[in-house]
Protein backbone atom coordinates (compact mmCIF):
# COMPACT_ATOMS: atom_id res chain seq x y z
CA MET A 1 17.89 8.46 4.12
CA GLU A 2 18.01 10.84 6.66
CA ARG A 3 15.39 9.47 9.46
CA GLU A 4 13.99 13.22 9.67
CA LEU A 5 12.60 12.82 5.96
CA ALA A 6 10.10 9.88 7.50
CA ILE A 7 8.09 12.71 9.60
CA GLU A 8 8.30 14.92 6.08
CA PHE A 9 6.55 11.92 4.72
CA ALA A 10 4.20 11.66 7.11
CA ARG A 11 2.92 15.09 6.21
CA VAL A 12 2.50 14.28 2.60
CA THR A 13 -0.04 11.33 3.28
CA GLU A 14 -1.28 13.05 6.06
CA ALA A 15 -2.43 15.96 3.59
CA ALA A 16 -3.88 13.63 1.43
CA ALA A 17 -5.77 11.83 3.45
CA LEU A 18 -7.21 15.09 5.22
CA ASN A 19 -8.62 16.41 1.82
CA SER A 20 -9.79 12.88 0.81
CA ALA A 21 -11.78 12.15 3.96
CA ARG A 22 -13.88 15.58 3.37
CA TRP A 23 -15.53 13.06 0.60
CA MET A 24 -16.11 10.40 2.73
CA GLY A 25 -19.70 8.78 2.18
CA LYS A 26 -20.39 11.52 -0.26
CA GLY A 27 -20.64 8.80 -3.54
CA ASP A 28 -18.29 10.41 -5.65
CA LYS A 29 -15.01 8.09 -5.81
CA ILE A 30 -13.52 10.63 -8.61
CA ALA A 31 -13.96 13.79 -6.37
CA ALA A 32 -12.14 12.00 -3.25
CA ASP A 33 -9.23 11.09 -5.37
CA ASP A 34 -8.52 14.08 -6.82
CA ALA A 35 -8.30 15.83 -3.36
CA ALA A 36 -6.13 13.13 -2.12
CA VAL A 37 -3.57 13.31 -5.21
CA LYS A 38 -3.91 17.61 -5.19
CA ALA A 39 -2.85 17.95 -1.37
CA MET A 40 -0.47 15.36 -1.95
CA ARG A 41 1.63 16.72 -5.07
CA SER A 42 0.97 19.77 -3.06
CA MET A 43 3.22 18.90 0.10
CA PHE A 44 5.26 17.30 -1.94
CA ASP A 45 6.59 20.54 -3.40
CA THR A 46 7.85 21.69 0.60
CA ILE A 47 10.09 18.32 1.14
CA HIS A 48 13.93 18.30 0.32
CA ILE A 49 14.45 15.43 -1.84
CA GLU A 50 15.07 14.90 -5.64
CA GLY A 51 12.31 12.35 -6.09
CA LYS A 52 10.82 10.20 -9.26
CA VAL A 53 7.45 8.61 -9.57
CA VAL A 54 7.77 5.29 -10.02
CA ILE A 55 4.56 3.74 -8.97
CA GLY A 56 1.57 6.87 -9.57
CA GLU A 57 -1.25 7.93 -10.91
CA GLY A 58 -1.15 6.52 -14.51
CA GLU A 59 1.76 7.56 -17.79
CA MET A 60 2.16 11.28 -18.14
CA ASP A 61 -0.81 11.39 -20.81
CA GLU A 62 -3.09 9.98 -18.43
CA ALA A 63 -2.50 12.16 -15.33
CA PRO A 64 -1.92 15.21 -14.34
CA MET A 65 0.32 15.04 -11.61
CA LEU A 66 1.74 12.16 -9.62
CA TYR A 67 2.52 10.16 -13.13
CA ILE A 68 4.94 7.61 -13.74
CA GLY A 69 8.51 9.76 -14.49
CA GLU A 70 7.27 12.88 -12.78
CA LYS A 71 9.83 14.24 -10.65
CA VAL A 72 8.42 15.86 -7.17
CA GLY A 73 10.51 17.09 -4.22
CA LEU A 74 12.63 20.24 -4.39
CA GLY A 75 15.35 19.44 -6.82
CA GLU A 76 17.75 18.91 -3.79
CA GLY A 77 18.96 16.60 -1.38
CA VAL A 78 18.50 12.55 -1.93
CA LYS A 79 17.56 10.93 -4.72
CA VAL A 80 14.95 8.45 -4.42
CA ASP A 81 12.47 6.43 -5.94
CA ILE A 82 8.81 7.45 -4.89
CA ALA A 83 5.84 4.87 -5.32
CA VAL A 84 2.24 6.35 -4.31
CA ASP A 85 -1.61 5.46 -4.02
CA PRO A 86 -3.13 8.81 -2.71
CA LEU A 87 -6.32 7.38 -2.23
CA GLU A 88 -6.21 3.29 -1.90
CA GLY A 89 -9.93 2.48 -1.37
CA THR A 90 -11.65 4.96 -3.93
CA ASN A 91 -14.90 3.25 -3.21
CA LEU A 92 -14.17 2.57 0.46
CA VAL A 93 -14.24 6.43 0.39
CA ALA A 94 -17.34 7.12 -1.73
CA LYS A 95 -19.35 4.46 0.16
CA GLY A 96 -18.09 5.83 3.82
CA MET A 97 -16.55 1.97 4.08
CA ASN A 98 -13.68 0.73 6.09
CA GLY A 99 -10.21 0.70 4.99
CA ALA A 100 -9.14 3.28 3.16
CA ILE A 101 -5.51 4.68 3.21
CA ALA A 102 -3.20 7.10 1.81
CA VAL A 103 -0.02 5.68 1.22
CA MET A 104 3.71 5.95 -0.05
CA ALA A 105 7.07 4.48 -0.10
CA VAL A 106 10.10 5.97 -0.76
CA ALA A 107 13.18 4.22 -1.53
CA LYS A 108 17.01 4.65 -2.73
CA GLU A 109 16.99 5.23 -6.19
CA ASP A 110 16.34 2.17 -8.42
CA CYS A 111 15.15 0.17 -5.80
CA LEU A 112 11.69 0.06 -6.27
CA LEU A 113 10.27 -2.47 -9.28
CA HIS A 114 8.97 0.09 -11.49
CA ALA A 115 5.73 -2.14 -11.63
CA PRO A 116 3.43 -1.21 -14.53
CA ASP A 117 -0.76 -0.85 -13.80
CA MET A 118 -1.47 -4.69 -14.29
CA TYR A 119 -2.35 -7.60 -12.51
CA MET A 120 -0.24 -9.79 -10.01
CA ASP A 121 -0.42 -12.71 -8.19
CA LYS A 122 0.36 -12.51 -4.73
CA ILE A 123 1.04 -13.84 -0.86
CA ALA A 124 1.98 -12.20 1.95
CA VAL A 125 2.50 -12.96 5.60
CA GLY A 126 3.95 -11.02 8.49
CA PRO A 127 7.49 -11.73 9.91
CA LEU A 128 6.61 -15.43 11.94
CA ALA A 129 5.31 -17.02 8.91
CA VAL A 130 8.90 -15.77 6.82
CA GLY A 131 9.69 -19.01 4.98
CA ALA A 132 6.01 -20.84 5.04
CA ILE A 133 4.51 -19.43 1.68
CA ASP A 134 4.99 -20.46 -1.95
CA LEU A 135 3.44 -19.14 -4.43
CA ASP A 136 2.77 -22.47 -6.68
CA ALA A 137 1.62 -24.34 -3.74
CA SER A 138 -1.71 -24.79 -3.58
CA PRO A 139 -4.12 -22.75 -0.89
CA GLU A 140 -4.48 -25.48 1.52
CA GLU A 141 -0.75 -26.53 1.46
CA ASN A 142 -0.21 -22.41 2.23
CA VAL A 143 -2.68 -21.90 4.76
CA ARG A 144 -1.22 -25.68 6.65
CA ASN A 145 2.01 -24.33 6.69
CA VAL A 146 1.35 -20.85 8.07
CA ALA A 147 -0.43 -22.49 10.37
CA GLN A 148 2.10 -24.57 11.58
CA LYS A 149 5.00 -21.57 11.30
CA LEU A 150 2.45 -19.38 13.24
CA GLY A 151 1.83 -22.19 16.12
CA LYS A 152 -2.13 -22.10 15.41
CA LYS A 153 -4.35 -24.62 14.41
CA ILE A 154 -5.75 -24.08 10.98
CA GLU A 155 -9.04 -23.58 11.70
CA GLU A 156 -7.54 -20.31 13.84
CA VAL A 157 -5.82 -18.85 10.78
CA THR A 158 -7.21 -15.64 9.04
CA VAL A 159 -6.66 -15.13 5.58
CA VAL A 160 -8.09 -12.08 3.57
CA ILE A 161 -8.52 -11.60 0.03
CA LEU A 162 -10.51 -9.67 -2.10
CA ASP A 163 -14.13 -10.83 -3.22
CA ARG A 164 -14.12 -10.89 -6.79
CA PRO A 165 -15.00 -13.72 -8.93
CA ARG A 166 -11.86 -15.21 -9.50
CA HIS A 167 -10.91 -15.80 -6.47
CA GLN A 168 -14.13 -18.42 -6.05
CA LYS A 169 -11.92 -21.35 -6.38
CA ILE A 170 -8.79 -20.28 -3.32
CA ILE A 171 -11.55 -19.24 -1.32
CA ASN A 172 -13.44 -22.96 -1.65
CA ALA A 173 -9.63 -24.42 -0.95
CA ILE A 174 -9.37 -22.47 2.08
CA ARG A 175 -12.72 -22.55 3.31
CA LYS A 176 -12.19 -26.66 2.85
CA ALA A 177 -9.05 -26.50 4.70
CA GLY A 178 -11.09 -24.90 7.29
CA ALA A 179 -9.26 -21.73 7.93
CA ARG A 180 -10.91 -18.25 8.59
CA ILE A 181 -11.45 -15.94 5.07
CA LYS A 182 -12.27 -12.42 5.99
CA LEU A 183 -12.97 -10.80 2.17
CA ILE A 184 -13.08 -7.24 1.40
CA THR A 185 -14.09 -5.41 -1.14
CA ASP A 186 -11.01 -3.01 -2.16
CA GLY A 187 -7.81 -1.95 -0.66
CA ASP A 188 -5.44 -5.14 -0.18
CA VAL A 189 -2.11 -3.00 1.14
CA SER A 190 -3.80 -2.29 4.46
CA PRO A 191 -4.34 -5.84 4.71
CA VAL A 192 -0.82 -6.82 3.94
CA VAL A 193 0.53 -4.62 6.70
CA ALA A 194 -1.85 -6.16 8.97
CA THR A 195 0.04 -9.20 8.97
CA ALA A 196 2.62 -7.98 10.56
CA ILE A 197 1.44 -6.25 12.99
CA PRO A 198 0.70 -8.42 16.38
CA ASP A 199 -3.32 -8.87 17.40
CA SER A 200 -4.23 -7.43 14.06
CA GLY A 201 -6.20 -10.74 13.01
CA VAL A 202 -4.72 -10.86 9.84
CA ASP A 203 -2.33 -13.96 9.26
CA MET A 204 -1.94 -14.23 5.22
CA VAL A 205 -3.13 -12.22 2.58
CA ILE A 206 -3.53 -14.38 -0.63
CA GLY A 207 -4.97 -13.52 -4.47
CA ILE A 208 -4.77 -11.40 -7.35
CA GLY A 209 -4.68 -7.88 -7.34
CA GLY A 210 -2.80 -4.64 -8.44
CA ALA A 211 0.84 -4.76 -8.91
CA PRO A 212 1.47 -1.20 -8.13
CA GLU A 213 -0.54 -2.03 -4.76
CA GLY A 214 1.40 -5.24 -4.42
CA VAL A 215 5.03 -3.02 -4.41
CA LEU A 216 3.77 -0.88 -2.08
CA ALA A 217 2.58 -3.33 0.25
CA ALA A 218 6.43 -5.29 0.06
CA ALA A 219 7.91 -2.09 0.93
CA ALA A 220 5.67 -2.22 4.39
CA LEU A 221 6.90 -5.75 4.91
CA LYS A 222 10.62 -5.32 3.85
CA CYS A 223 10.68 -2.21 6.99
CA MET A 224 8.43 -4.98 9.28
CA GLY A 225 10.30 -8.14 8.63
CA GLY A 226 7.79 -10.14 6.41
CA ASP A 227 7.63 -11.70 3.18
CA MET A 228 5.58 -11.31 0.10
CA ARG A 229 5.84 -13.75 -3.15
CA ALA A 230 4.32 -12.50 -6.59
CA ARG A 231 3.89 -12.67 -10.09
CA LEU A 232 3.13 -10.31 -12.54
CA ILE A 233 -0.24 -11.30 -14.83
CA PRO A 234 -0.05 -9.34 -18.35
CA GLU A 235 -3.33 -9.59 -20.61
CA ASN A 236 -2.26 -8.24 -23.53
CA GLU A 237 0.87 -7.49 -25.66
CA GLU A 238 1.43 -3.85 -23.99
CA GLU A 239 1.73 -5.45 -21.03
CA LEU A 240 3.93 -7.82 -21.98
CA ARG A 241 6.09 -5.35 -23.18
CA ARG A 242 6.13 -3.20 -20.13
CA MET A 243 7.55 -6.72 -18.59
CA LYS A 244 10.17 -7.23 -21.04
CA GLU A 245 10.86 -3.44 -20.34
CA MET A 246 11.52 -4.10 -16.55
CA GLY A 247 13.69 -6.57 -17.51
CA ILE A 248 11.11 -9.63 -17.08
CA THR A 249 11.27 -11.82 -19.80
CA ASP A 250 9.77 -14.87 -18.24
CA THR A 251 6.07 -14.53 -17.20
CA LYS A 252 6.03 -17.25 -14.86
CA LYS A 253 8.61 -15.72 -13.02
CA VAL A 254 8.25 -15.68 -8.96
CA LEU A 255 9.05 -12.18 -7.67
CA THR A 256 10.39 -12.24 -3.86
CA ILE A 257 9.89 -9.56 -1.44
CA ASP A 258 13.73 -8.61 -2.38
CA ASP A 259 12.92 -8.24 -6.34
CA LEU A 260 9.66 -5.57 -5.09
CA VAL A 261 12.19 -3.57 -3.07
CA LYS A 262 15.70 -4.09 -3.57
CA THR A 263 17.19 -2.29 -0.09
CA ASP A 264 16.26 -1.40 3.35
CA GLU A 265 16.95 2.36 2.97
CA VAL A 266 13.21 2.00 2.44
CA VAL A 267 10.36 4.23 4.24
CA PHE A 268 6.62 2.83 4.34
CA VAL A 269 4.18 5.99 5.22
CA ALA A 270 0.42 5.49 5.34
CA THR A 271 -2.44 7.46 6.80
CA GLY A 272 -5.76 6.21 7.73
CA ILE A 273 -8.74 8.09 5.66
CA THR A 274 -11.33 5.54 6.56
CA ASP A 275 -11.00 3.21 10.05
CA GLY A 276 -9.30 0.07 9.09
CA GLU A 277 -7.39 -2.85 11.13
CA THR A 278 -4.70 -0.68 12.10
CA LEU A 279 -5.21 2.78 11.63
CA LYS A 280 -8.24 5.33 12.51
CA GLY A 281 -9.77 7.48 10.15
CA VAL A 282 -9.69 10.79 9.80
CA ARG A 283 -11.84 12.85 12.56
CA PHE A 284 -13.35 16.04 12.18
CA PHE A 285 -14.06 18.67 14.85
CA ASN A 286 -15.27 22.33 13.70
CA ASP A 287 -11.47 23.99 12.76
CA ARG A 288 -9.41 20.75 13.40
CA ALA A 289 -9.22 17.31 12.60
CA THR A 290 -6.99 14.07 14.06
CA THR A 291 -5.03 11.95 11.29
CA HIS A 292 -3.79 8.29 12.57
CA THR A 293 -0.32 7.47 10.92
CA VAL A 294 2.21 4.66 10.80
CA VAL A 295 5.61 5.33 9.64
CA MET A 296 8.50 2.57 8.97
CA ARG A 297 11.77 2.33 8.08
CA GLY A 298 13.07 -0.55 6.70
CA LYS A 299 17.14 -0.07 8.26
CA THR A 300 16.24 0.00 11.74
CA GLY A 301 12.78 -1.37 11.34
CA THR A 302 11.20 1.02 13.17
CA ILE A 303 7.33 1.66 13.39
CA ARG A 304 6.18 4.90 14.60
CA PHE A 305 1.97 5.56 15.23
CA ILE A 306 1.55 9.24 14.86
CA GLU A 307 -1.34 10.82 16.25
CA ALA A 308 -1.95 14.52 14.78
CA TYR A 309 -3.73 17.15 15.37
CA HIS A 310 -4.48 19.77 12.46
CA TYR A 311 -5.85 23.40 12.92
CA PHE A 312 -6.94 24.18 9.96
CA SER A 313 -6.42 28.18 10.61
CA ARG A 314 -3.31 27.72 11.16
CA LYS A 315 -2.30 25.49 8.10
CA PRO A 316 -1.67 26.19 4.47
CA HIS A 317 -4.23 26.33 1.74
CA TYR A 318 -3.29 22.93 0.80
CA VAL A 319 -5.07 21.31 4.01
CA ARG A 320 -8.14 23.53 2.94
CA MET A 321 -9.15 22.10 -0.45
CA ASP A 322 -13.11 21.70 -0.38
CA GLY A 323 -12.73 20.01 -3.95
């Protein structure tokens, strides 16, 4: 993919973040998500790609736009798979909490796992801890191995876990091992990205979350040289059928980062909506706003942080949607 496209993709997540941020703290997660989706979909219509959404807002009969299989872009240029989450952390925006982002990953055609909307068990680390994780090992073993790889004492390692009842055993085990834990309410893509950024304060992410978010996070780690192990967790016959359609017949199969993202021709882009570990949230100033975006390219390993000023009087209508 041409490097110029990376900046075009940044414009997509910026538009989603700008619109969604208007709903911060207003208690309406549906309106916040809808604003992000509409802005992101509109911006795609300006980009010279033949894009297909492989991870999006749901099936065609579930979502009016950015649904799985939808064609986006101007229909000319490189053919790509696109994974999107216009608003990762709907509750975070509704409640005015930290960590919400607009995020997408773009890769060569047929190179992103077409993960269905089901649960995924996952463990992720940054580049300094590659080779230290094993999804079938105990949480204590993983923490010890990551600490050793990072050259840290176990009590200096910070693990991010979604605060859910299903994770209580993992939480107890990691606390017993002596590591530090940061519990989050929503949004596990941002912490995974943080594992690969020095001085972010996050060393490992572990637990069960959404499979689509797992692929998005894997795209970031692929660009940054990090590592992930994952396993899909089907809960019913329909989800088992979806797995088989993906070519996964072994429900216990451990997916590597190369299974999730099959190429280094991948771009990961995220814009902060509310403040987080690595990205600042949207700031509004009368007729303008600022955004903070990270753009990563897998082919070169380049990571760019973009701080942009947006003057609404000079912007097309899709950054002025008020819901």
